[in-house]
Amino acid sequence: MKRELVKIIVTGVVGAAFLSTIPMPSYAAGTSAAQFLKLGAGARAAGMADAFAAIADDVTAGYWNPAGLSQITKPQLSVMQNSYLVDTQYQYLGAACPVGKSALGIALYRMDYGTMDRYTAADVKDGSFSAGSMAGSFTFGSSMAEGLRYGITAKVIRESLENTSQTGMATDAGLLIERGLYRFGLAIQHMGPKMKFVQDEFALPLTVRLGSATRLFQEKLLVGLDIVKPNDNDAALQSGIEYKASEVLFLRTGYKFQTGNALDVEGITGLTGGIGTKFGLFNLDYAFVPFGELGNTHRISLMVTFD
């Protein structure tokens, strides 16, 4: 077991060094367009601090690492509700189906920022307006050789603010390597041209994920470790575990360590937790992700695996 843990840690260190050599355009924190694309898919991954690049073994792989989608052996459908910060709401809907050694998947992502007050230059309230974001994606994942998988996701993105909207295109690509109980994943997300809003252009949140994972204790404990580097922030180290307490109960926790531009708020941040249960064809998952004094977020998702 010690050797396995050492390998995971070494992989993380090597991954951090690797990401530091990748030339990426750099922007101020949170200044990229379509920030909602960072919120992920599924409460299972959220409970493990999003350390999912080398796991990605269900329908949500279309988001985390499209190479992992080919691991599914039966059709799956997943929905998620994320009660996010400042009364915003984020939803995900995904479906996937195996086709031989490959798999196809589609997904919808929706962010509702709610209704906000409008003010004049004199700071006088002048009605209200709404804002929201959406994205639709198509994923293809397949097996290239024994222990080597690849995948690609194409996305259409739309953001709207009152009567103004912008549309963009993006692509994700991923690789997944399996060596016995060890897995290594690489995903490059949100690659695409800048989105123009009114007269200004904003880059998409280009993100590189490098992950490793393994199973311990007779495969009851799943451990994941991701190094994540977006173009508008410093790299983050994300680690998560999933413990199979029984055939129907799963316990999860994780931690996100953000270097550099860390969230400067009081209270608990970075730590995540979750629980999952399996009954028949259904998997019900919940994740709790706190943001200190900014508030807590709750994600719940339901996945159906059709027999």
Protein backbone atom coordinates (compact mmCIF):
# COMPACT_ATOMS: atom_id res chain seq x y z
CA MET A 1 0.00 0.00 0.00
CA LYS A 2 2.85 2.41 0.82
CA ARG A 3 4.35 1.87 -2.64
CA GLU A 4 1.01 2.66 -4.24
CA LEU A 5 0.62 5.88 -2.27
CA VAL A 6 4.18 6.91 -3.11
CA LYS A 7 3.47 6.39 -6.80
CA ILE A 8 0.42 8.64 -6.60
CA ILE A 9 2.40 11.38 -4.84
CA VAL A 10 5.26 11.11 -7.32
CA THR A 11 2.78 11.31 -10.19
CA GLY A 12 1.39 14.51 -8.68
CA VAL A 13 4.83 16.09 -8.36
CA VAL A 14 5.79 15.10 -11.90
CA GLY A 15 2.42 16.36 -13.12
CA ALA A 16 2.93 19.74 -11.48
CA ALA A 17 6.33 20.06 -13.10
CA PHE A 18 4.86 19.03 -16.46
CA LEU A 19 2.05 21.59 -16.30
CA SER A 20 4.50 24.33 -15.41
CA THR A 21 6.20 23.79 -18.78
CA ILE A 22 3.01 24.08 -20.86
CA PRO A 23 2.80 27.48 -22.58
CA MET A 24 -0.64 28.92 -21.87
CA PRO A 25 -2.04 32.43 -22.30
CA SER A 26 -2.40 34.00 -18.86
CA TYR A 27 -5.23 36.25 -17.70
CA ALA A 28 -6.26 37.78 -14.41
CA ALA A 29 -8.16 35.45 -12.09
CA GLY A 30 -11.74 34.85 -13.18
CA THR A 31 -11.55 37.09 -16.25
CA SER A 32 -12.20 34.42 -18.90
CA ALA A 33 -15.58 34.08 -20.54
CA ALA A 34 -18.05 31.27 -19.75
CA GLN A 35 -16.87 30.76 -16.16
CA PHE A 36 -19.77 28.35 -15.61
CA LEU A 37 -17.86 25.78 -17.66
CA LYS A 38 -15.61 25.24 -14.63
CA LEU A 39 -18.44 23.92 -12.44
CA GLY A 40 -18.24 20.34 -13.65
CA ALA A 41 -20.76 17.51 -13.86
CA GLY A 42 -22.10 15.12 -11.24
CA ALA A 43 -22.10 15.23 -7.44
CA ARG A 44 -19.81 12.20 -7.26
CA ALA A 45 -16.82 14.08 -8.67
CA ALA A 46 -17.65 17.19 -6.61
CA GLY A 47 -17.52 15.16 -3.39
CA MET A 48 -14.00 14.06 -4.38
CA ALA A 49 -12.83 17.66 -4.95
CA ASP A 50 -13.13 17.21 -8.74
CA ALA A 51 -10.14 14.81 -8.77
CA PHE A 52 -11.70 12.89 -11.66
CA ALA A 53 -9.46 13.18 -14.73
CA ALA A 54 -8.04 9.66 -14.28
CA ILE A 55 -11.30 8.14 -13.02
CA ALA A 56 -14.01 9.42 -15.42
CA ASP A 57 -15.78 6.06 -15.59
CA ASP A 58 -19.40 7.09 -16.10
CA VAL A 59 -21.54 9.37 -18.26
CA THR A 60 -19.97 12.51 -16.71
CA ALA A 61 -16.66 11.59 -18.37
CA GLY A 62 -17.89 13.71 -21.27
CA TYR A 63 -16.97 16.68 -19.08
CA TRP A 64 -13.99 15.50 -16.99
CA ASN A 65 -12.10 13.45 -19.58
CA PRO A 66 -13.82 12.36 -22.81
CA ALA A 67 -11.42 9.42 -23.11
CA GLY A 68 -13.10 7.81 -20.12
CA LEU A 69 -16.52 7.67 -21.73
CA SER A 70 -15.63 4.43 -23.53
CA GLN A 71 -15.50 2.68 -20.14
CA ILE A 72 -19.28 2.54 -19.87
CA THR A 73 -20.81 -0.79 -20.84
CA LYS A 74 -24.48 0.19 -20.65
CA PRO A 75 -26.48 3.32 -21.56
CA GLN A 76 -26.51 5.94 -18.81
CA LEU A 77 -28.48 9.10 -18.06
CA SER A 78 -27.50 11.66 -15.41
CA VAL A 79 -29.04 14.87 -14.06
CA MET A 80 -27.57 17.27 -11.50
CA GLN A 81 -28.78 20.30 -9.57
CA ASN A 82 -26.19 22.61 -8.05
CA SER A 83 -27.46 25.28 -5.64
CA TYR A 84 -24.51 27.61 -6.07
CA LEU A 85 -23.37 30.90 -4.53
CA VAL A 86 -25.52 34.06 -4.29
CA ASP A 87 -28.72 32.17 -5.12
CA THR A 88 -27.45 31.11 -8.55
CA GLN A 89 -28.51 27.75 -9.96
CA TYR A 90 -26.53 25.37 -12.16
CA GLN A 91 -27.89 22.26 -13.86
CA TYR A 92 -26.40 19.42 -15.86
CA LEU A 93 -28.07 16.77 -18.03
CA GLY A 94 -26.04 14.07 -19.75
CA ALA A 95 -26.64 10.82 -21.62
CA ALA A 96 -24.24 8.27 -23.09
CA CYS A 97 -24.41 4.96 -24.89
CA PRO A 98 -21.69 2.37 -25.68
CA VAL A 99 -21.11 1.53 -29.34
CA GLY A 100 -18.76 -1.44 -29.63
CA LYS A 101 -15.43 -0.41 -28.08
CA SER A 102 -16.48 3.22 -28.26
CA ALA A 103 -19.17 5.41 -26.70
CA LEU A 104 -21.19 8.46 -27.67
CA GLY A 105 -22.50 11.09 -25.29
CA ILE A 106 -24.44 14.34 -25.24
CA ALA A 107 -24.83 16.89 -22.46
CA LEU A 108 -26.47 20.19 -21.58
CA TYR A 109 -25.13 22.69 -19.02
CA ARG A 110 -27.19 25.63 -17.74
CA MET A 111 -26.33 28.47 -15.36
CA ASP A 112 -29.08 30.78 -14.10
CA TYR A 113 -27.80 33.95 -12.43
CA GLY A 114 -31.32 35.03 -11.53
CA THR A 115 -32.74 38.53 -11.64
CA MET A 116 -30.57 41.51 -10.70
CA ASP A 117 -31.40 45.16 -10.03
CA ARG A 118 -30.48 47.76 -12.63
CA TYR A 119 -29.19 51.17 -11.53
CA THR A 120 -28.69 54.45 -13.37
CA ALA A 121 -25.46 56.48 -13.38
CA ALA A 122 -26.94 58.41 -10.44
CA ASP A 123 -27.24 55.16 -8.47
CA VAL A 124 -31.03 55.12 -8.73
CA LYS A 125 -32.79 51.77 -9.12
CA ASP A 126 -34.19 51.39 -12.62
CA GLY A 127 -35.91 48.01 -12.91
CA SER A 128 -34.15 44.66 -13.19
CA PHE A 129 -32.55 42.32 -15.71
CA SER A 130 -31.63 38.63 -16.00
CA ALA A 131 -28.50 36.77 -17.05
CA GLY A 132 -27.68 33.18 -17.88
CA SER A 133 -25.36 30.77 -19.68
CA MET A 134 -25.83 27.50 -21.55
CA ALA A 135 -23.70 24.94 -23.34
CA GLY A 136 -24.44 21.81 -25.33
CA SER A 137 -21.86 19.13 -26.06
CA PHE A 138 -21.28 15.96 -28.05
CA THR A 139 -18.61 13.46 -26.95
CA PHE A 140 -16.89 10.55 -28.67
CA GLY A 141 -14.66 8.22 -26.67
CA SER A 142 -12.91 5.07 -27.82
CA SER A 143 -10.17 2.54 -27.08
CA MET A 144 -7.02 3.03 -29.13
CA ALA A 145 -5.14 -0.01 -27.81
CA GLU A 146 -5.01 -2.20 -24.72
CA GLY A 147 -4.96 0.16 -21.74
CA LEU A 148 -5.09 3.31 -23.87
CA ARG A 149 -8.24 5.36 -24.46
CA TYR A 150 -8.87 8.67 -26.20
CA GLY A 151 -11.81 11.01 -26.61
CA ILE A 152 -12.98 14.38 -27.87
CA THR A 153 -15.86 16.69 -26.97
CA ALA A 154 -17.30 19.48 -29.12
CA LYS A 155 -19.32 22.25 -27.44
CA VAL A 156 -21.54 25.16 -28.37
CA ILE A 157 -21.63 27.90 -25.71
CA ARG A 158 -24.11 30.74 -25.28
CA GLU A 159 -24.07 33.54 -22.71
CA SER A 160 -26.78 36.17 -22.34
CA LEU A 161 -27.12 39.39 -20.37
CA GLU A 162 -30.47 41.15 -20.63
CA ASN A 163 -31.02 41.59 -24.39
CA THR A 164 -27.42 40.90 -25.39
CA SER A 165 -25.96 37.46 -26.06
CA GLN A 166 -22.81 35.83 -27.37
CA THR A 167 -22.16 32.41 -28.88
CA GLY A 168 -18.92 30.44 -29.04
CA MET A 169 -17.46 27.03 -29.88
CA ALA A 170 -15.03 24.91 -27.89
CA THR A 171 -13.37 21.51 -27.93
CA ASP A 172 -12.08 19.15 -25.22
CA ALA A 173 -9.60 16.32 -25.79
CA GLY A 174 -8.44 13.58 -23.46
CA LEU A 175 -6.26 10.51 -22.97
CA LEU A 176 -6.57 7.76 -20.39
CA ILE A 177 -3.88 5.17 -19.63
CA GLU A 178 -4.59 2.05 -17.55
CA ARG A 179 -1.85 -0.09 -16.03
CA GLY A 180 -3.34 -2.66 -13.67
CA LEU A 181 -4.79 -0.81 -10.70
CA TYR A 182 -3.13 2.45 -11.79
CA ARG A 183 -4.71 5.00 -14.07
CA PHE A 184 -3.40 8.24 -15.59
CA GLY A 185 -5.50 10.83 -17.35
CA LEU A 186 -4.86 14.00 -19.35
CA ALA A 187 -7.64 16.33 -20.45
CA ILE A 188 -7.47 19.71 -22.14
CA GLN A 189 -10.77 21.55 -21.77
CA HIS A 190 -12.49 24.52 -23.38
CA MET A 191 -10.17 25.05 -26.33
CA GLY A 192 -11.60 27.58 -28.74
CA PRO A 193 -11.59 31.14 -30.07
CA LYS A 194 -12.42 34.15 -27.92
CA MET A 195 -16.06 35.08 -27.37
CA LYS A 196 -17.09 38.62 -28.29
CA PHE A 197 -19.50 40.41 -25.97
CA VAL A 198 -20.66 43.76 -27.36
CA GLN A 199 -17.27 45.16 -28.47
CA ASP A 200 -14.92 43.29 -26.13
CA GLU A 201 -13.45 39.82 -26.63
CA PHE A 202 -12.82 37.35 -23.82
CA ALA A 203 -10.86 34.09 -23.90
CA LEU A 204 -12.49 30.83 -22.89
CA PRO A 205 -11.33 29.24 -19.58
CA LEU A 206 -8.77 26.92 -21.20
CA THR A 207 -7.89 24.29 -18.59
CA VAL A 208 -5.38 21.43 -18.47
CA ARG A 209 -6.08 18.49 -16.13
CA LEU A 210 -3.47 15.85 -15.35
CA GLY A 211 -4.59 13.09 -13.02
CA SER A 212 -3.70 9.76 -11.48
CA ALA A 213 -5.83 7.24 -9.60
CA THR A 214 -5.66 3.81 -8.01
CA ARG A 215 -7.68 1.44 -5.83
CA LEU A 216 -6.55 0.22 -2.40
CA PHE A 217 -7.76 -2.23 0.27
CA GLN A 218 -9.21 -4.87 -2.06
CA GLU A 219 -10.47 -2.06 -4.31
CA LYS A 220 -12.75 -0.64 -1.61
CA LEU A 221 -10.90 2.69 -1.57
CA LEU A 222 -10.60 4.78 -4.75
CA VAL A 223 -7.96 7.53 -4.61
CA GLY A 224 -7.62 10.31 -7.18
CA LEU A 225 -5.12 13.15 -7.55
CA ASP A 226 -5.38 15.89 -10.17
CA ILE A 227 -3.19 18.83 -11.09
CA VAL A 228 -5.39 21.49 -12.70
CA LYS A 229 -4.10 24.59 -14.52
CA PRO A 230 -6.60 27.09 -15.95
CA ASN A 231 -5.49 30.04 -18.07
CA ASP A 232 -6.91 32.58 -15.60
CA ASN A 233 -5.50 31.26 -12.33
CA ASP A 234 -2.57 29.42 -10.81
CA ALA A 235 -2.38 25.63 -10.69
CA ALA A 236 -4.41 23.72 -8.11
CA LEU A 237 -3.80 20.32 -6.52
CA GLN A 238 -7.04 18.38 -6.12
CA SER A 239 -7.18 15.12 -4.19
CA GLY A 240 -10.18 12.95 -3.42
CA ILE A 241 -11.17 9.53 -2.10
CA GLU A 242 -14.22 7.34 -2.41
CA TYR A 243 -14.78 4.57 0.14
CA LYS A 244 -17.10 1.70 -0.71
CA ALA A 245 -18.71 1.07 2.68
CA SER A 246 -21.05 -1.54 1.21
CA GLU A 247 -22.58 -2.52 -2.10
CA VAL A 248 -25.09 0.32 -1.74
CA LEU A 249 -23.21 3.03 0.21
CA PHE A 250 -20.24 5.19 -0.84
CA LEU A 251 -18.51 7.86 1.26
CA ARG A 252 -16.41 10.62 -0.31
CA THR A 253 -14.18 13.50 0.66
CA GLY A 254 -11.50 15.62 -0.93
CA TYR A 255 -9.44 18.77 -0.75
CA LYS A 256 -8.48 21.45 -3.26
CA PHE A 257 -5.20 23.20 -2.61
CA GLN A 258 -5.07 26.41 -4.62
CA THR A 259 -1.66 27.98 -5.15
CA GLY A 260 -1.20 31.67 -5.84
CA ASN A 261 -4.62 33.28 -6.35
CA ALA A 262 -6.34 31.42 -3.51
CA LEU A 263 -9.81 32.44 -2.36
CA ASP A 264 -9.16 35.04 0.36
CA VAL A 265 -12.18 34.47 2.60
CA GLU A 266 -12.69 33.35 6.18
CA GLY A 267 -14.09 29.95 7.05
CA ILE A 268 -13.71 26.51 5.51
CA THR A 269 -12.70 26.40 1.85
CA GLY A 270 -11.12 23.68 -0.27
CA LEU A 271 -12.58 20.79 1.73
CA THR A 272 -15.38 18.77 0.10
CA GLY A 273 -17.55 15.89 1.19
CA GLY A 274 -20.18 13.63 -0.28
CA ILE A 275 -22.22 10.49 -0.04
CA GLY A 276 -23.69 8.15 -2.62
CA THR A 277 -26.14 5.30 -2.63
CA LYS A 278 -26.97 2.69 -5.25
CA PHE A 279 -30.35 1.04 -5.53
CA GLY A 280 -31.13 -1.09 -8.55
CA LEU A 281 -30.47 0.87 -11.73
CA PHE A 282 -30.12 4.18 -9.83
CA ASN A 283 -27.18 6.01 -8.26
CA LEU A 284 -28.07 8.98 -6.05
CA ASP A 285 -25.18 11.25 -5.04
CA TYR A 286 -24.83 14.35 -2.86
CA ALA A 287 -21.86 16.70 -2.44
CA PHE A 288 -21.20 19.53 -0.01
CA VAL A 289 -18.71 22.20 -1.14
CA PRO A 290 -18.16 25.14 1.27
CA PHE A 291 -16.76 28.54 0.26
CA GLY A 292 -16.21 30.00 3.71
CA GLU A 293 -18.04 33.24 4.42
CA LEU A 294 -19.30 33.32 0.83
CA GLY A 295 -21.63 30.43 1.62
CA ASN A 296 -22.04 26.71 1.09
CA THR A 297 -23.03 24.92 -2.10
CA HIS A 298 -25.02 21.71 -2.42
CA ARG A 299 -25.02 19.38 -5.40
CA ILE A 300 -27.30 16.42 -5.91
CA SER A 301 -27.30 14.15 -8.93
CA LEU A 302 -29.13 11.07 -10.09
CA MET A 303 -27.68 8.58 -12.59
CA VAL A 304 -29.63 5.79 -14.24
CA THR A 305 -27.82 2.84 -15.80
CA PHE A 306 -30.15 1.04 -18.20
CA ASP A 307 -29.92 -2.72 -18.14
